[in-house]
Amino acid sequence: LCPLDITNHVPVTSEFVRQLGRQRRHPMSDLAGQCYALVTHQDYFFWDVLTTAYLGRPDLFETRDWETVIITEGVSQGRTKVQPGGRRVTALDKVDTAQFYEYMLKQWAR
């Protein structure tokens, strides 16, 4: 699993968008830079990008096993909750932030 909490460590920053701008000659960097430039004035994170980066570079992450349950009723329906005795899952726990940004810049410089 990729908990939402881990994405708090990889915000879309103005500095990252400037680095993408320096790579404008690469079409993917140009497109990503233009899109992310639209959100630098607000809190925005690499939610899905972080999740998929694990597929290409699992070495950037530390995982952790948790015992969990899924809440099936009420206002929290669908929430995954850490609870002793629940089903064991492996989830992303930490990310090497600097290496993550470097990896993404490299991916978009193709």
N, C-alpha and C. Protein backbone atom coordinates (compact mmCIF):
# COMPACT_ATOMS: atom_id res chain seq x y z
N LEU A 1 0.83 -1.19 0.00
CA LEU A 1 0.00 0.00 0.00
C LEU A 1 0.87 1.24 0.00
N CYS A 2 0.30 2.32 -0.49
CA CYS A 2 0.97 3.62 -0.43
C CYS A 2 0.07 4.57 0.35
N PRO A 3 0.33 4.73 1.65
CA PRO A 3 -0.50 5.63 2.45
C PRO A 3 -0.34 7.08 2.01
N LEU A 4 -1.40 7.82 2.13
CA LEU A 4 -1.37 9.23 1.75
C LEU A 4 -0.33 10.01 2.55
N ASP A 5 -0.08 9.61 3.78
CA ASP A 5 0.86 10.33 4.65
C ASP A 5 2.26 10.45 4.05
N ILE A 6 2.72 9.43 3.34
CA ILE A 6 4.08 9.47 2.80
C ILE A 6 4.22 10.55 1.73
N THR A 7 3.13 10.88 1.06
CA THR A 7 3.21 11.90 0.01
C THR A 7 3.45 13.29 0.58
N ASN A 8 3.23 13.47 1.89
CA ASN A 8 3.52 14.76 2.51
C ASN A 8 4.99 15.12 2.43
N HIS A 9 5.84 14.15 2.14
CA HIS A 9 7.28 14.38 2.05
C HIS A 9 7.73 14.81 0.66
N VAL A 10 6.81 14.80 -0.32
CA VAL A 10 7.19 15.14 -1.69
C VAL A 10 6.22 16.18 -2.29
N PRO A 11 6.28 17.41 -1.78
CA PRO A 11 5.44 18.46 -2.36
C PRO A 11 5.98 18.89 -3.73
N VAL A 12 5.09 19.42 -4.54
CA VAL A 12 5.50 20.06 -5.79
C VAL A 12 5.98 21.45 -5.40
N THR A 13 7.27 21.68 -5.48
CA THR A 13 7.84 22.95 -5.05
C THR A 13 8.16 23.85 -6.25
N SER A 14 8.26 25.14 -5.98
CA SER A 14 8.66 26.08 -7.04
C SER A 14 10.04 25.73 -7.57
N GLU A 15 10.94 25.32 -6.69
CA GLU A 15 12.29 24.95 -7.12
C GLU A 15 12.26 23.74 -8.07
N PHE A 16 11.43 22.75 -7.78
CA PHE A 16 11.33 21.60 -8.67
C PHE A 16 10.79 22.03 -10.03
N VAL A 17 9.79 22.89 -10.04
CA VAL A 17 9.22 23.36 -11.31
C VAL A 17 10.27 24.16 -12.09
N ARG A 18 11.10 24.95 -11.40
CA ARG A 18 12.18 25.66 -12.09
C ARG A 18 13.17 24.67 -12.72
N GLN A 19 13.47 23.60 -12.01
CA GLN A 19 14.37 22.59 -12.57
C GLN A 19 13.76 21.94 -13.80
N LEU A 20 12.47 21.69 -13.77
CA LEU A 20 11.80 21.18 -14.97
C LEU A 20 11.91 22.18 -16.11
N GLY A 21 11.77 23.46 -15.78
CA GLY A 21 11.88 24.51 -16.80
C GLY A 21 13.24 24.52 -17.47
N ARG A 22 14.28 24.18 -16.73
CA ARG A 22 15.63 24.12 -17.31
C ARG A 22 15.77 22.93 -18.27
N GLN A 23 14.81 22.03 -18.23
CA GLN A 23 14.83 20.85 -19.11
C GLN A 23 13.78 20.97 -20.21
N ARG A 24 13.32 22.18 -20.52
CA ARG A 24 12.22 22.38 -21.47
C ARG A 24 12.45 21.75 -22.84
N ARG A 25 13.69 21.54 -23.19
CA ARG A 25 13.96 20.94 -24.51
C ARG A 25 13.42 19.51 -24.61
N HIS A 26 13.14 18.91 -23.45
CA HIS A 26 12.53 17.57 -23.42
C HIS A 26 11.01 17.74 -23.32
N PRO A 27 10.26 17.20 -24.27
CA PRO A 27 8.81 17.41 -24.29
C PRO A 27 8.10 17.04 -22.98
N MET A 28 8.50 15.96 -22.33
CA MET A 28 7.82 15.57 -21.08
C MET A 28 8.11 16.57 -19.96
N SER A 29 9.34 17.05 -19.88
CA SER A 29 9.68 18.07 -18.88
C SER A 29 8.91 19.35 -19.15
N ASP A 30 8.79 19.72 -20.41
CA ASP A 30 8.06 20.93 -20.77
C ASP A 30 6.59 20.81 -20.35
N LEU A 31 5.97 19.69 -20.68
CA LEU A 31 4.56 19.48 -20.34
C LEU A 31 4.37 19.44 -18.82
N ALA A 32 5.19 18.63 -18.13
CA ALA A 32 5.06 18.52 -16.67
C ALA A 32 5.30 19.87 -16.01
N GLY A 33 6.30 20.60 -16.47
CA GLY A 33 6.60 21.91 -15.89
C GLY A 33 5.46 22.89 -16.05
N GLN A 34 4.84 22.90 -17.23
CA GLN A 34 3.70 23.80 -17.45
C GLN A 34 2.53 23.42 -16.56
N CYS A 35 2.27 22.13 -16.44
CA CYS A 35 1.14 21.67 -15.60
C CYS A 35 1.39 21.97 -14.13
N TYR A 36 2.56 21.63 -13.63
CA TYR A 36 2.85 21.85 -12.22
C TYR A 36 3.00 23.33 -11.88
N ALA A 37 3.37 24.15 -12.84
CA ALA A 37 3.46 25.59 -12.58
C ALA A 37 2.10 26.16 -12.19
N LEU A 38 1.04 25.52 -12.61
CA LEU A 38 -0.31 25.98 -12.29
C LEU A 38 -0.68 25.77 -10.82
N VAL A 39 0.06 24.91 -10.12
CA VAL A 39 -0.34 24.57 -8.75
C VAL A 39 0.69 24.96 -7.69
N THR A 40 1.77 25.64 -8.08
CA THR A 40 2.81 25.96 -7.10
C THR A 40 2.34 26.96 -6.05
N HIS A 41 1.26 27.66 -6.28
CA HIS A 41 0.75 28.65 -5.32
C HIS A 41 -0.08 28.00 -4.20
N GLN A 42 -0.27 26.70 -4.29
CA GLN A 42 -1.07 26.00 -3.28
C GLN A 42 -0.33 24.74 -2.84
N ASP A 43 -0.84 24.10 -1.80
CA ASP A 43 -0.26 22.84 -1.36
C ASP A 43 -0.64 21.75 -2.35
N TYR A 44 0.35 21.20 -3.02
CA TYR A 44 0.13 20.17 -4.01
C TYR A 44 1.27 19.17 -3.89
N PHE A 45 0.96 17.91 -3.99
CA PHE A 45 1.95 16.87 -3.75
C PHE A 45 1.98 15.87 -4.90
N PHE A 46 3.06 15.10 -4.98
CA PHE A 46 3.22 14.08 -6.00
C PHE A 46 2.52 12.79 -5.57
N TRP A 47 1.21 12.85 -5.41
CA TRP A 47 0.45 11.71 -4.90
C TRP A 47 0.64 10.46 -5.77
N ASP A 48 0.08 10.46 -6.94
CA ASP A 48 0.14 9.28 -7.82
C ASP A 48 1.55 9.05 -8.36
N VAL A 49 2.29 10.13 -8.56
CA VAL A 49 3.65 10.01 -9.08
C VAL A 49 4.53 9.25 -8.08
N LEU A 50 4.39 9.56 -6.81
CA LEU A 50 5.15 8.85 -5.78
C LEU A 50 4.81 7.37 -5.79
N THR A 51 3.53 7.08 -5.86
CA THR A 51 3.08 5.68 -5.85
C THR A 51 3.68 4.90 -7.02
N THR A 52 3.63 5.46 -8.20
CA THR A 52 4.16 4.74 -9.37
C THR A 52 5.69 4.74 -9.40
N ALA A 53 6.34 5.71 -8.77
CA ALA A 53 7.79 5.72 -8.71
C ALA A 53 8.32 4.48 -7.99
N TYR A 54 7.53 3.96 -7.07
CA TYR A 54 7.94 2.74 -6.37
C TYR A 54 8.17 1.58 -7.34
N LEU A 55 7.39 1.53 -8.41
CA LEU A 55 7.54 0.45 -9.38
C LEU A 55 8.89 0.52 -10.09
N GLY A 56 9.34 1.73 -10.39
CA GLY A 56 10.61 1.89 -11.09
C GLY A 56 11.82 1.93 -10.19
N ARG A 57 11.65 2.43 -8.96
CA ARG A 57 12.78 2.59 -8.04
C ARG A 57 12.39 2.22 -6.62
N PRO A 58 12.11 0.96 -6.36
CA PRO A 58 11.75 0.56 -5.00
C PRO A 58 12.87 0.82 -3.99
N ASP A 59 14.10 0.97 -4.48
CA ASP A 59 15.23 1.23 -3.59
C ASP A 59 15.16 2.61 -2.93
N LEU A 60 14.30 3.48 -3.42
CA LEU A 60 14.13 4.82 -2.82
C LEU A 60 13.23 4.80 -1.60
N PHE A 61 12.65 3.65 -1.31
CA PHE A 61 11.63 3.56 -0.27
C PHE A 61 11.99 2.57 0.82
N GLU A 62 11.45 2.82 1.99
CA GLU A 62 11.45 1.85 3.06
C GLU A 62 10.00 1.44 3.27
N THR A 63 9.79 0.17 3.50
CA THR A 63 8.43 -0.32 3.76
C THR A 63 8.29 -0.73 5.21
N ARG A 64 7.07 -0.92 5.61
CA ARG A 64 6.77 -1.33 6.98
C ARG A 64 5.53 -2.23 6.95
N ASP A 65 5.52 -3.22 7.81
CA ASP A 65 4.34 -4.08 7.94
C ASP A 65 3.44 -3.54 9.04
N TRP A 66 2.15 -3.49 8.74
CA TRP A 66 1.15 -3.06 9.70
C TRP A 66 0.02 -4.08 9.74
N GLU A 67 -0.61 -4.19 10.87
CA GLU A 67 -1.85 -4.97 10.97
C GLU A 67 -2.98 -3.97 10.82
N THR A 68 -3.89 -4.26 9.90
CA THR A 68 -4.93 -3.29 9.55
C THR A 68 -6.32 -3.92 9.46
N VAL A 69 -7.30 -3.05 9.57
CA VAL A 69 -8.69 -3.42 9.31
C VAL A 69 -9.28 -2.35 8.40
N ILE A 70 -10.32 -2.72 7.68
CA ILE A 70 -11.05 -1.78 6.84
C ILE A 70 -12.37 -1.47 7.54
N ILE A 71 -12.65 -0.20 7.73
CA ILE A 71 -13.91 0.21 8.34
C ILE A 71 -14.99 0.07 7.27
N THR A 72 -16.04 -0.66 7.60
CA THR A 72 -17.07 -0.99 6.60
C THR A 72 -18.37 -0.23 6.77
N GLU A 73 -18.50 0.57 7.82
CA GLU A 73 -19.76 1.30 8.04
C GLU A 73 -19.47 2.71 8.54
N GLY A 74 -20.47 3.56 8.45
CA GLY A 74 -20.39 4.90 9.01
C GLY A 74 -19.62 5.88 8.14
N VAL A 75 -19.33 7.04 8.73
CA VAL A 75 -18.71 8.13 7.97
C VAL A 75 -17.27 7.80 7.56
N SER A 76 -16.63 6.86 8.23
CA SER A 76 -15.25 6.47 7.87
C SER A 76 -15.21 5.24 6.98
N GLN A 77 -16.35 4.86 6.44
CA GLN A 77 -16.43 3.66 5.59
C GLN A 77 -15.36 3.71 4.50
N GLY A 78 -14.62 2.61 4.38
CA GLY A 78 -13.57 2.50 3.38
C GLY A 78 -12.18 2.85 3.89
N ARG A 79 -12.11 3.41 5.06
CA ARG A 79 -10.82 3.80 5.65
C ARG A 79 -10.05 2.56 6.09
N THR A 80 -8.74 2.58 5.85
CA THR A 80 -7.85 1.54 6.35
C THR A 80 -7.31 2.05 7.69
N LYS A 81 -7.44 1.23 8.71
CA LYS A 81 -7.03 1.63 10.05
C LYS A 81 -6.02 0.63 10.60
N VAL A 82 -4.94 1.15 11.18
CA VAL A 82 -3.96 0.27 11.82
C VAL A 82 -4.58 -0.24 13.12
N GLN A 83 -4.60 -1.57 13.25
CA GLN A 83 -5.21 -2.17 14.44
C GLN A 83 -4.57 -3.51 14.71
N PRO A 84 -4.03 -3.70 15.92
CA PRO A 84 -3.43 -4.99 16.26
C PRO A 84 -4.41 -6.14 16.02
N GLY A 85 -3.90 -7.22 15.45
CA GLY A 85 -4.73 -8.38 15.18
C GLY A 85 -5.39 -8.35 13.82
N GLY A 86 -5.28 -7.22 13.10
CA GLY A 86 -5.88 -7.10 11.78
C GLY A 86 -5.03 -7.77 10.71
N ARG A 87 -5.47 -7.64 9.49
CA ARG A 87 -4.75 -8.24 8.36
C ARG A 87 -3.42 -7.52 8.16
N ARG A 88 -2.36 -8.29 8.00
CA ARG A 88 -1.02 -7.72 7.82
C ARG A 88 -0.86 -7.24 6.38
N VAL A 89 -0.40 -6.00 6.24
CA VAL A 89 -0.11 -5.43 4.92
C VAL A 89 1.28 -4.81 4.97
N THR A 90 1.90 -4.73 3.83
CA THR A 90 3.17 -4.02 3.69
C THR A 90 2.87 -2.70 3.00
N ALA A 91 3.36 -1.61 3.60
CA ALA A 91 3.08 -0.28 3.05
C ALA A 91 4.35 0.54 2.98
N LEU A 92 4.36 1.49 2.05
CA LEU A 92 5.48 2.42 1.98
C LEU A 92 5.49 3.24 3.26
N ASP A 93 6.67 3.41 3.83
CA ASP A 93 6.79 4.13 5.09
C ASP A 93 7.65 5.38 4.98
N LYS A 94 8.76 5.28 4.24
CA LYS A 94 9.67 6.42 4.08
C LYS A 94 10.16 6.48 2.64
N VAL A 95 10.50 7.69 2.21
CA VAL A 95 11.03 7.89 0.87
C VAL A 95 12.27 8.77 0.97
N ASP A 96 13.26 8.48 0.16
CA ASP A 96 14.44 9.34 0.05
C ASP A 96 14.02 10.50 -0.86
N THR A 97 13.65 11.59 -0.25
CA THR A 97 13.04 12.72 -0.97
C THR A 97 13.97 13.26 -2.05
N ALA A 98 15.21 13.52 -1.72
CA ALA A 98 16.14 14.09 -2.70
C ALA A 98 16.31 13.16 -3.90
N GLN A 99 16.46 11.87 -3.64
CA GLN A 99 16.61 10.91 -4.73
C GLN A 99 15.32 10.77 -5.55
N PHE A 100 14.17 10.91 -4.88
CA PHE A 100 12.89 10.87 -5.59
C PHE A 100 12.82 12.00 -6.60
N TYR A 101 13.14 13.23 -6.17
CA TYR A 101 13.10 14.38 -7.08
C TYR A 101 14.08 14.19 -8.24
N GLU A 102 15.27 13.70 -7.93
CA GLU A 102 16.26 13.46 -8.97
C GLU A 102 15.77 12.42 -9.98
N TYR A 103 15.16 11.37 -9.47
CA TYR A 103 14.61 10.33 -10.34
C TYR A 103 13.54 10.88 -11.27
N MET A 104 12.65 11.70 -10.72
CA MET A 104 11.57 12.26 -11.55
C MET A 104 12.13 13.19 -12.62
N LEU A 105 13.09 14.01 -12.26
CA LEU A 105 13.70 14.90 -13.27
C LEU A 105 14.33 14.07 -14.39
N LYS A 106 14.98 12.99 -14.02
CA LYS A 106 15.61 12.13 -15.02
C LYS A 106 14.55 11.47 -15.91
N GLN A 107 13.47 11.02 -15.30
CA GLN A 107 12.40 10.36 -16.08
C GLN A 107 11.79 11.32 -17.10
N TRP A 108 11.63 12.57 -16.71
CA TRP A 108 10.99 13.55 -17.60
C TRP A 108 11.98 14.21 -18.55
N ALA A 109 13.24 13.81 -18.49
CA ALA A 109 14.27 14.36 -19.39
C ALA A 109 14.56 13.40 -20.54
N ARG A 110 13.58 12.63 -20.92
CA ARG A 110 13.77 11.68 -22.03
C ARG A 110 13.08 12.18 -23.27
